[in-house]
Amino acid sequence: MLFYWPKDFTFVCPTEIVGYAGLKGDFEDRDAVLIGASTDTAHVHLAWRKSDPDLAAADFPWLADNGGVLASQLGILDKNEHVAFRATFIIDPDNVIQAVQVNGLNVGRNPAETLRVLDALQTDELCPCNWNKGDDVLKIAA
């Protein structure tokens, strides 16, 4: 599970990082690895983590996509601001992207929704709109 935020030392981004960090154990319970990324450098990531105890507690890898090479290849680089959009990718063990959500720079995500989509993907079943873990899946009439 890879999620990008636009820029360190901003306002919406830490709410998302802390939100995903709070669900890290839930992702791990589903054999998912949580990875965060932005177009900042590793030095900026470290300084930001040191400046905020909540971010310091976000103990998952933070990728430094300095220059936005990966973000550009993924099609999530804002060409005007030179930062990544708020993008979330659920990637399966064969490195196939199974789900993508991309938000503009000013709208935060719902990490619980990412977990819900991961749960649905892991059923290998037909999951209707608003499906949640434990709900019935759709069955095709024989």
C-alpha atoms as a PDB file:
ATOM      1  CA  MET A   1       0.000   0.000   0.000  1.00  0.00           C
ATOM      2  CA  LEU A   2       1.727   3.153  -1.236  1.00  0.00           C
ATOM      3  CA  PHE A   3       0.403   6.597  -0.457  1.00  0.00           C
ATOM      4  CA  TYR A   4       1.822   9.931  -1.567  1.00  0.00           C
ATOM      5  CA  TRP A   5       1.354  13.278   0.106  1.00  0.00           C
ATOM      6  CA  PRO A   6       2.291  16.574  -1.561  1.00  0.00           C
ATOM      7  CA  LYS A   7       4.859  18.092   0.759  1.00  0.00           C
ATOM      8  CA  ASP A   8       6.372  17.842   4.224  1.00  0.00           C
ATOM      9  CA  PHE A   9       5.837  20.637   6.759  1.00  0.00           C
ATOM     10  CA  THR A  10       2.300  21.319   5.569  1.00  0.00           C
ATOM     11  CA  PHE A  11      -1.129  21.122   7.179  1.00  0.00           C
ATOM     12  CA  VAL A  12      -3.284  18.361   5.648  1.00  0.00           C
ATOM     13  CA  CYS A  13      -0.422  15.906   5.087  1.00  0.00           C
ATOM     14  CA  PRO A  14       0.332  15.150   8.753  1.00  0.00           C
ATOM     15  CA  THR A  15      -3.332  14.319   9.395  1.00  0.00           C
ATOM     16  CA  GLU A  16      -3.156  11.696   6.666  1.00  0.00           C
ATOM     17  CA  ILE A  17       0.192  10.287   7.782  1.00  0.00           C
ATOM     18  CA  VAL A  18      -1.020   9.964  11.371  1.00  0.00           C
ATOM     19  CA  GLY A  19      -4.286   8.453  10.104  1.00  0.00           C
ATOM     20  CA  TYR A  20      -2.476   5.788   8.101  1.00  0.00           C
ATOM     21  CA  ALA A  21      -0.041   5.169  10.972  1.00  0.00           C
ATOM     22  CA  GLY A  22      -2.997   4.527  13.271  1.00  0.00           C
ATOM     23  CA  LEU A  23      -4.120   1.720  10.956  1.00  0.00           C
ATOM     24  CA  LYS A  24      -0.647   0.262  10.332  1.00  0.00           C
ATOM     25  CA  GLY A  25      -1.433  -2.811  12.441  1.00  0.00           C
ATOM     26  CA  ASP A  26      -4.680  -3.350  10.542  1.00  0.00           C
ATOM     27  CA  PHE A  27      -2.800  -3.246   7.242  1.00  0.00           C
ATOM     28  CA  GLU A  28      -0.194  -5.661   8.628  1.00  0.00           C
ATOM     29  CA  ASP A  29      -2.996  -8.015   9.775  1.00  0.00           C
ATOM     30  CA  ARG A  30      -3.955  -8.192   6.099  1.00  0.00           C
ATOM     31  CA  ASP A  31      -0.349  -8.865   5.000  1.00  0.00           C
ATOM     32  CA  ALA A  32      -0.110  -5.375   3.520  1.00  0.00           C
ATOM     33  CA  VAL A  33       2.985  -3.216   3.796  1.00  0.00           C
ATOM     34  CA  LEU A  34       2.366   0.481   4.376  1.00  0.00           C
ATOM     35  CA  ILE A  35       4.731   2.870   2.569  1.00  0.00           C
ATOM     36  CA  GLY A  36       4.459   6.653   2.463  1.00  0.00           C
ATOM     37  CA  ALA A  37       6.095   8.988  -0.034  1.00  0.00           C
ATOM     38  CA  SER A  38       6.469  12.579  -1.107  1.00  0.00           C
ATOM     39  CA  THR A  39       8.722  14.510  -3.441  1.00  0.00           C
ATOM     40  CA  ASP A  40      10.740  15.841  -0.508  1.00  0.00           C
ATOM     41  CA  THR A  41      14.250  14.623   0.330  1.00  0.00           C
ATOM     42  CA  ALA A  42      15.129  12.105   3.015  1.00  0.00           C
ATOM     43  CA  HIS A  43      16.663  14.980   5.012  1.00  0.00           C
ATOM     44  CA  VAL A  44      13.394  16.917   4.950  1.00  0.00           C
ATOM     45  CA  HIS A  45      11.477  13.773   5.967  1.00  0.00           C
ATOM     46  CA  LEU A  46      13.827  13.269   8.915  1.00  0.00           C
ATOM     47  CA  ALA A  47      13.593  16.894  10.038  1.00  0.00           C
ATOM     48  CA  TRP A  48       9.792  16.809   9.885  1.00  0.00           C
ATOM     49  CA  ARG A  49       9.607  13.554  11.820  1.00  0.00           C
ATOM     50  CA  LYS A  50      11.948  14.971  14.475  1.00  0.00           C
ATOM     51  CA  SER A  51       9.800  18.115  14.768  1.00  0.00           C
ATOM     52  CA  ASP A  52       6.526  16.314  15.497  1.00  0.00           C
ATOM     53  CA  PRO A  53       6.060  13.425  17.965  1.00  0.00           C
ATOM     54  CA  ASP A  54       3.008  12.097  16.095  1.00  0.00           C
ATOM     55  CA  LEU A  55       4.989  11.887  12.872  1.00  0.00           C
ATOM     56  CA  ALA A  56       7.966  10.385  14.692  1.00  0.00           C
ATOM     57  CA  ALA A  57       5.624   7.590  15.810  1.00  0.00           C
ATOM     58  CA  ALA A  58       4.606   6.866  12.198  1.00  0.00           C
ATOM     59  CA  ASP A  59       6.953   3.889  11.977  1.00  0.00           C
ATOM     60  CA  PHE A  60       6.593   2.863   8.370  1.00  0.00           C
ATOM     61  CA  PRO A  61       8.983   3.656   5.501  1.00  0.00           C
ATOM     62  CA  TRP A  62       8.839   7.130   3.959  1.00  0.00           C
ATOM     63  CA  LEU A  63      10.150   7.256   0.407  1.00  0.00           C
ATOM     64  CA  ALA A  64      11.985  10.364  -0.754  1.00  0.00           C
ATOM     65  CA  ASP A  65      10.962  10.770  -4.387  1.00  0.00           C
ATOM     66  CA  ASN A  66      13.134  13.859  -4.730  1.00  0.00           C
ATOM     67  CA  GLY A  67      12.618  15.220  -8.195  1.00  0.00           C
ATOM     68  CA  GLY A  68       9.295  13.413  -8.526  1.00  0.00           C
ATOM     69  CA  VAL A  69      10.574  10.712 -10.860  1.00  0.00           C
ATOM     70  CA  LEU A  70       8.251   7.953  -9.590  1.00  0.00           C
ATOM     71  CA  ALA A  71       5.360  10.383  -9.065  1.00  0.00           C
ATOM     72  CA  SER A  72       5.724  11.532 -12.660  1.00  0.00           C
ATOM     73  CA  GLN A  73       5.788   7.949 -13.949  1.00  0.00           C
ATOM     74  CA  LEU A  74       2.646   7.210 -11.924  1.00  0.00           C
ATOM     75  CA  GLY A  75       0.939  10.258 -13.428  1.00  0.00           C
ATOM     76  CA  ILE A  76       0.409  11.978 -10.079  1.00  0.00           C
ATOM     77  CA  LEU A  77       2.851  14.881 -10.296  1.00  0.00           C
ATOM     78  CA  ASP A  78       1.282  18.344 -10.259  1.00  0.00           C
ATOM     79  CA  LYS A  79       3.267  20.042 -12.987  1.00  0.00           C
ATOM     80  CA  ASN A  80       2.561  23.543 -11.638  1.00  0.00           C
ATOM     81  CA  GLU A  81       3.439  22.900  -7.993  1.00  0.00           C
ATOM     82  CA  HIS A  82       6.069  20.172  -8.700  1.00  0.00           C
ATOM     83  CA  VAL A  83       4.664  18.002  -5.905  1.00  0.00           C
ATOM     84  CA  ALA A  84       2.664  14.781  -5.914  1.00  0.00           C
ATOM     85  CA  PHE A  85      -1.098  14.753  -5.635  1.00  0.00           C
ATOM     86  CA  ARG A  86      -2.576  12.887  -2.668  1.00  0.00           C
ATOM     87  CA  ALA A  87      -2.499   9.452  -4.285  1.00  0.00           C
ATOM     88  CA  THR A  88      -3.065   6.005  -2.833  1.00  0.00           C
ATOM     89  CA  PHE A  89      -2.154   2.777  -4.583  1.00  0.00           C
ATOM     90  CA  ILE A  90      -3.059  -0.729  -3.464  1.00  0.00           C
ATOM     91  CA  ILE A  91      -0.526  -2.990  -5.158  1.00  0.00           C
ATOM     92  CA  ASP A  92      -0.838  -6.776  -5.115  1.00  0.00           C
ATOM     93  CA  PRO A  93       2.039  -9.231  -4.489  1.00  0.00           C
ATOM     94  CA  ASP A  94       2.622  -9.465  -8.256  1.00  0.00           C
ATOM     95  CA  ASN A  95       3.184  -5.662  -8.356  1.00  0.00           C
ATOM     96  CA  VAL A  96      -0.109  -5.032 -10.148  1.00  0.00           C
ATOM     97  CA  ILE A  97      -1.955  -1.888  -9.067  1.00  0.00           C
ATOM     98  CA  GLN A  98      -5.393  -3.070  -7.956  1.00  0.00           C
ATOM     99  CA  ALA A  99      -6.841   0.244  -6.737  1.00  0.00           C
ATOM    100  CA  VAL A 100      -5.980   3.930  -7.082  1.00  0.00           C
ATOM    101  CA  GLN A 101      -7.369   7.025  -5.423  1.00  0.00           C
ATOM    102  CA  VAL A 102      -6.066  10.472  -6.330  1.00  0.00           C
ATOM    103  CA  ASN A 103      -7.151  13.643  -4.567  1.00  0.00           C
ATOM    104  CA  GLY A 104      -6.217  17.229  -5.305  1.00  0.00           C
ATOM    105  CA  LEU A 105      -3.719  19.061  -3.143  1.00  0.00           C
ATOM    106  CA  ASN A 106      -6.269  20.452  -0.695  1.00  0.00           C
ATOM    107  CA  VAL A 107      -8.429  17.397   0.131  1.00  0.00           C
ATOM    108  CA  GLY A 108      -7.308  14.750   2.613  1.00  0.00           C
ATOM    109  CA  ARG A 109      -8.041  11.045   2.305  1.00  0.00           C
ATOM    110  CA  ASN A 110      -9.819   8.563   4.521  1.00  0.00           C
ATOM    111  CA  PRO A 111      -7.346   5.817   5.498  1.00  0.00           C
ATOM    112  CA  ALA A 112     -10.217   3.637   6.727  1.00  0.00           C
ATOM    113  CA  GLU A 113     -11.625   3.688   3.178  1.00  0.00           C
ATOM    114  CA  THR A 114      -8.296   2.396   1.872  1.00  0.00           C
ATOM    115  CA  LEU A 115      -8.517  -0.445   4.389  1.00  0.00           C
ATOM    116  CA  ARG A 116     -12.119  -1.149   3.309  1.00  0.00           C
ATOM    117  CA  VAL A 117     -11.062  -1.396  -0.346  1.00  0.00           C
ATOM    118  CA  LEU A 118      -8.151  -3.671   0.590  1.00  0.00           C
ATOM    119  CA  ASP A 119     -10.578  -5.932   2.488  1.00  0.00           C
ATOM    120  CA  ALA A 120     -12.838  -6.088  -0.556  1.00  0.00           C
ATOM    121  CA  LEU A 121      -9.952  -6.880  -2.894  1.00  0.00           C
ATOM    122  CA  GLN A 122      -8.768  -9.661  -0.619  1.00  0.00           C
ATOM    123  CA  THR A 123     -12.128 -11.444  -0.747  1.00  0.00           C
ATOM    124  CA  ASP A 124     -11.681 -12.281  -4.453  1.00  0.00           C
ATOM    125  CA  GLU A 125     -15.474 -11.923  -4.565  1.00  0.00           C
ATOM    126  CA  LEU A 126     -17.930  -9.428  -6.031  1.00  0.00           C
ATOM    127  CA  CYS A 127     -18.344  -6.713  -3.409  1.00  0.00           C
ATOM    128  CA  PRO A 128     -21.217  -4.241  -3.817  1.00  0.00           C
ATOM    129  CA  CYS A 129     -21.135  -0.510  -3.214  1.00  0.00           C
ATOM    130  CA  ASN A 130     -20.431   0.398   0.436  1.00  0.00           C
ATOM    131  CA  TRP A 131     -19.423  -3.207   1.217  1.00  0.00           C
ATOM    132  CA  ASN A 132     -17.627  -3.700   4.539  1.00  0.00           C
ATOM    133  CA  LYS A 133     -15.718  -6.674   5.915  1.00  0.00           C
ATOM    134  CA  GLY A 134     -18.200  -9.217   7.173  1.00  0.00           C
ATOM    135  CA  ASP A 135     -21.000  -8.094   4.806  1.00  0.00           C
ATOM    136  CA  ASP A 136     -22.439 -10.460   2.238  1.00  0.00           C
ATOM    137  CA  VAL A 137     -20.767 -10.543  -1.154  1.00  0.00           C
ATOM    138  CA  LEU A 138     -22.696 -10.812  -4.402  1.00  0.00           C
ATOM    139  CA  LYS A 139     -23.355 -14.273  -5.796  1.00  0.00           C
ATOM    140  CA  ILE A 140     -24.114 -14.916  -9.442  1.00  0.00           C
ATOM    141  CA  ALA A 141     -27.277 -16.991  -9.859  1.00  0.00           C
ATOM    142  CA  ALA A 142     -26.535 -20.333 -11.456  1.00  0.00           C
END
